[in-house]
Structure formats: C-alpha cells, structure tokens
Amino acid sequence: MATYTTAALVRKTVENLDASLLDADIEAFIEEAESILDCTMEKSFISTFDATKHGILRAAANKWAAICAVTFNPSGFESASEWYQIVDVLWDQWNAKLEMLEKDTIVRYLESL
C-alpha cells in the first residue's frame, strides 16, 4: 500500500497523463519509489510517516511516480519535446531529493521529528 504519497497528488504533479492510467498503476509506481527511497536512506519511514514532518519523502515519491506515469504513455503530450522537458525536470527534482536522502544527517533529522 502506498504511504508516502497518493495517486491524486501524483496526478496533480503533471497534467495530460494518460486517462487509462489507473490509480492502482500509480500506486504501484509510488510503492516502487518508496522502496528506492528506503534503500537509499537505509531506513523505512512507512510505519511512522507524517506528511507534515516528512515532506521530502512525499515530494520525492511524487517525482518518481510522476516520471513513471508520464512514460507510461506519453501520447497525451503535444510533442516529444514537451514530454522530454517534463521528464527532464522531474528527473532533476527526483535526483536532488535522492542526493539529500543519502546523507546520514538528513535521515537522522527525519528520525528525530
């Protein structure tokens, strides 16, 4: 079950997602993001997650799930260039969050909240 974010929040991240993309599909992308994040941090916050306190986890999971949702079927975008630019921005944001979450000091801070 997806914890760090929701399908509705992922849909708000990017417009023009394929209408056939089910919430269950997006939740699977979120669960994948959670696994990657937990491995990166060497810690899971799923049982203690609080969106107010752990916003970086929500933001990161949103980015990964949005990347997956956009690449699921990019035909909803006006051009390949538009699709690529969206994925590129999301990818940069995802990587920035991962870099922060690789740091022990950040993980310890999240634990202290």
Protein backbone atom coordinates (compact mmCIF):
# COMPACT_ATOMS: atom_id res chain seq x y z
CA MET A 1 0.00 0.00 0.00
CA ALA A 2 1.39 3.40 -0.99
CA THR A 3 2.20 5.54 2.03
CA TYR A 4 4.47 8.46 1.15
CA THR A 5 2.06 10.00 -1.36
CA THR A 6 -1.19 9.35 -3.21
CA ALA A 7 -2.26 8.82 -6.80
CA ALA A 8 -4.26 12.07 -6.61
CA LEU A 9 -1.15 14.05 -5.68
CA VAL A 10 0.84 12.43 -8.48
CA ARG A 11 -1.91 13.37 -10.96
CA LYS A 12 -1.62 16.98 -9.76
CA THR A 13 2.13 16.94 -10.41
CA VAL A 14 1.74 16.50 -14.17
CA GLU A 15 -1.13 17.37 -16.47
CA ASN A 16 -2.09 15.32 -19.53
CA LEU A 17 -1.46 11.90 -18.04
CA ASP A 18 -2.97 9.02 -19.95
CA ALA A 19 -6.62 8.69 -18.87
CA SER A 20 -6.32 4.90 -18.94
CA LEU A 21 -3.68 5.02 -16.21
CA LEU A 22 -5.42 3.64 -13.13
CA ASP A 23 -4.84 4.78 -9.57
CA ALA A 24 -3.62 1.23 -8.89
CA ASP A 25 -0.93 1.70 -11.54
CA ILE A 26 0.19 4.96 -9.95
CA GLU A 27 0.17 3.36 -6.51
CA ALA A 28 2.50 0.67 -7.85
CA PHE A 29 4.85 3.44 -9.04
CA ILE A 30 4.64 5.01 -5.56
CA GLU A 31 5.49 1.70 -3.90
CA GLU A 32 8.49 1.42 -6.21
CA ALA A 33 9.56 4.93 -5.19
CA GLU A 34 9.16 4.04 -1.52
CA SER A 35 11.42 1.02 -1.95
CA ILE A 36 14.08 3.09 -3.69
CA LEU A 37 13.87 5.80 -1.03
CA ASP A 38 14.02 3.31 1.84
CA CYS A 39 17.08 1.64 0.30
CA THR A 40 18.74 5.00 -0.27
CA MET A 41 18.17 6.04 3.34
CA GLU A 42 18.78 2.53 4.71
CA LYS A 43 15.68 3.22 6.78
CA SER A 44 11.93 2.99 6.29
CA PHE A 45 9.53 5.66 7.46
CA ILE A 46 6.43 3.84 6.23
CA SER A 47 5.20 2.98 9.73
CA THR A 48 5.89 6.47 11.11
CA PHE A 49 5.28 8.60 8.02
CA ASP A 50 3.76 12.01 8.66
CA ALA A 51 3.26 14.22 5.60
CA THR A 52 3.82 17.37 7.64
CA LYS A 53 7.12 16.17 9.08
CA HIS A 54 8.40 14.07 6.20
CA GLY A 55 7.52 16.27 3.25
CA ILE A 56 10.76 15.47 1.45
CA LEU A 57 9.66 11.82 1.21
CA ARG A 58 6.30 12.84 -0.23
CA ALA A 59 7.97 15.16 -2.74
CA ALA A 60 10.47 12.51 -3.81
CA ALA A 61 7.85 9.77 -4.19
CA ASN A 62 5.70 12.18 -6.22
CA LYS A 63 8.57 12.83 -8.61
CA TRP A 64 9.38 9.16 -9.24
CA ALA A 65 5.72 8.17 -9.63
CA ALA A 66 5.16 11.12 -11.98
CA ILE A 67 8.12 10.08 -14.14
CA CYS A 68 6.71 6.58 -14.39
CA ALA A 69 3.21 7.90 -15.11
CA VAL A 70 4.43 10.20 -17.87
CA THR A 71 6.47 7.46 -19.52
CA PHE A 72 3.55 5.02 -19.24
CA ASN A 73 2.07 6.61 -22.34
CA PRO A 74 3.42 9.98 -23.47
CA SER A 75 0.84 10.37 -26.25
CA GLY A 76 -1.13 12.88 -24.14
CA PHE A 77 1.56 15.48 -24.68
CA GLU A 78 1.65 17.81 -27.66
CA SER A 79 5.15 16.81 -28.72
CA ALA A 80 8.08 14.64 -27.83
CA SER A 81 9.90 17.82 -26.85
CA GLU A 82 7.21 18.70 -24.29
CA TRP A 83 7.27 15.16 -22.91
CA TYR A 84 11.06 15.15 -22.69
CA GLN A 85 11.20 18.52 -20.92
CA ILE A 86 8.69 17.38 -18.30
CA VAL A 87 10.56 14.14 -17.65
CA ASP A 88 13.87 16.01 -17.54
CA VAL A 89 12.63 18.44 -14.87
CA LEU A 90 11.06 15.63 -12.83
CA TRP A 91 14.27 13.60 -13.11
CA ASP A 92 16.38 16.50 -11.84
CA GLN A 93 14.00 17.02 -8.91
CA TRP A 94 14.00 13.29 -8.10
CA ASN A 95 17.81 13.16 -8.13
CA ALA A 96 18.08 16.24 -5.93
CA LYS A 97 15.86 14.58 -3.32
CA LEU A 98 17.83 11.32 -3.53
CA GLU A 99 21.10 13.16 -3.01
CA MET A 100 19.73 14.77 0.15
CA LEU A 101 18.34 11.48 1.46
CA GLU A 102 21.71 9.73 1.00
CA LYS A 103 23.09 11.88 3.83
CA ASP A 104 23.01 10.37 7.30
CA THR A 105 22.42 13.79 8.86
CA ILE A 106 19.20 14.24 6.89
CA VAL A 107 17.97 10.75 7.77
CA ARG A 108 18.76 11.28 11.46
CA TYR A 109 16.90 14.58 11.35
CA LEU A 110 13.85 12.90 9.81
CA GLU A 111 14.01 10.24 12.54
CA SER A 112 14.03 12.93 15.22
CA LEU A 113 10.84 14.54 14.03
